[in-house]
Amino acid sequence: MDLKEKLLASFMAFEERVDVHSELHDVRTAAIENFENKGFPSKKEEAWKYTSLNSILKNDFTVFPKHENSIEFSQVRKYFLNEVDTYKVVFVDGVFSSHLSSTTHEGIDVCLMASALNKSKYKPVIDKYFNQIANKEESLTSLNTAFANEGVYVNIPKNKIAEKPIEIMYFSTGSEAALLVQPRNLVIVGENSHVQIVERHQSLNENPVLTNSVTEIFAEKRAIIDYYKIQNDTLEANLIDNTFVSQQQESHVAVHTFSFGGNLTRNNLNFYHFGERLTSTLNGITIIGEKQHVDHYTLVHHAAPNCESFQDYKGIYSDRSTGVFNGKIYVEKDAQKTNAFQKSNNILLSDKATINAKPQLEIFADDVKCSHGCTVGQLDETALFYMQQRGIPQKEAKALLMYAFSNVVIENIKIPELKQRITKIIASKLGVKMGFDL
């Protein structure tokens, strides 16, 4: 039985576990039917032209862990931002870990998606937001929707500032020979409210893991959201991250993606504009080697006038690693005075490293400022020579040039402790000793 067949066979048993009579029954049924019809994406599809899942899908993934696994904080302490107080929502092998988490209902809601989906007090919010911005036609998003249960629910009411950042952690223990997890997150930030979120998926063992994650983010009028994704997993981990962002008038949403580890990583990032004078920021740094593969697929859909979007992705590829950047800016006819900018800059450190870049503009308005740029090259030999002539060893000179290359994105990090952590990880990836942990 292949993975698709196993998932279809598991669906009925899953629904009975979460209540087959739930009002989400029709939503889940429509989603699993779409997945059944389309299956897993293949390279025959334009959107997946450079990314193949074939080798990953050969694993015999466990869909539901056979038993709950627990880990101690001391085992995973290094993955948290211990220098700053945070709300924490932690999952181990796809199951919520209460003793590692610190959630809250005081002024803001930071809790479990399972509670929000199954408790009547959350029904008005779920009816309004759940599965409303996610792409109902995309097969992997549909698969996640069909099995949606575990994940994080964040609701910041009107005129509230989250006093602490929120850390969302997904740990895989490796107790299963191969594990499939499908977290579903819902983030709602009310009018004039502000939140900072850090998300990380981390394997603690070398057994294969496939994570198919879906996050829906809703920014109401004048809301501010800073979302940071840290992807620094083991070489046996695979992540498909589907994030959908809905923005209302004058909101500011920034999603920063740091891709340093894992076997295969696919980031689908979709922004949709539903109000004027809003700003979308999409930043990313990718530093990979060996046979790692990172694919960034972005869409910013400008549907309202006087809005701005900025995309800036930096990639450094060594060994036989492969990168993909497929970014689209779509400007509707009514979205006059749009200012949209997209940039993808890449450095290849090896003759066998590859980057496939496809920046796209589809513009149907006539009073806009839209641009895109893409560069692929190697380190500047002149600058390298200049630094060596002033006594900087070649290895350190290369590292300094690469750090400067990515520094523009690092400077956009607004949590000082996280900026320090990312800086240290980058230094480690570039081979510079700074006396730090992960």
Foldseek 3Di string as FASTA:
>chain_A
DFPLVVLVVCLVVLCVVLPCPAPCVVVLVLLNVLCVVVPDDACVDVLCVPPGCVVVRVDPADADDPDDDDDDCVLVVQVDLVVFDAFEWEAELQHTDPVVGHFDDPQWGKDWQQCLRRPPVNVVVCVVFPPPQDDSNHNLSSSLSNNEHTAIEIAHEAPEEDPHAYEYEYEYECPDLEHEYEYEYEHEHYALYEHEYEYEYEYPDQRAYEYRYEYEYEAEAQYEYEYEYEAAYAQRYEYEYHYEYEYEHAYEYEYEYEHEDYAEYEYEEEYEYDYANYEYEYEYEYQYEDAHEYEYAYEYEQDAAHYEYEYYYEYEYEYQYEYEYHYEYEYDQHHAAYEYEEEYEYAYPYPNYYYHYHYYYHHNHDHYHYDYYYYYYHDDVVQLVVVVVVPDDSLVSRLVSVCVVRVVSLVPDPPVSVSVVSSVVSCVSSPHDDPGDD
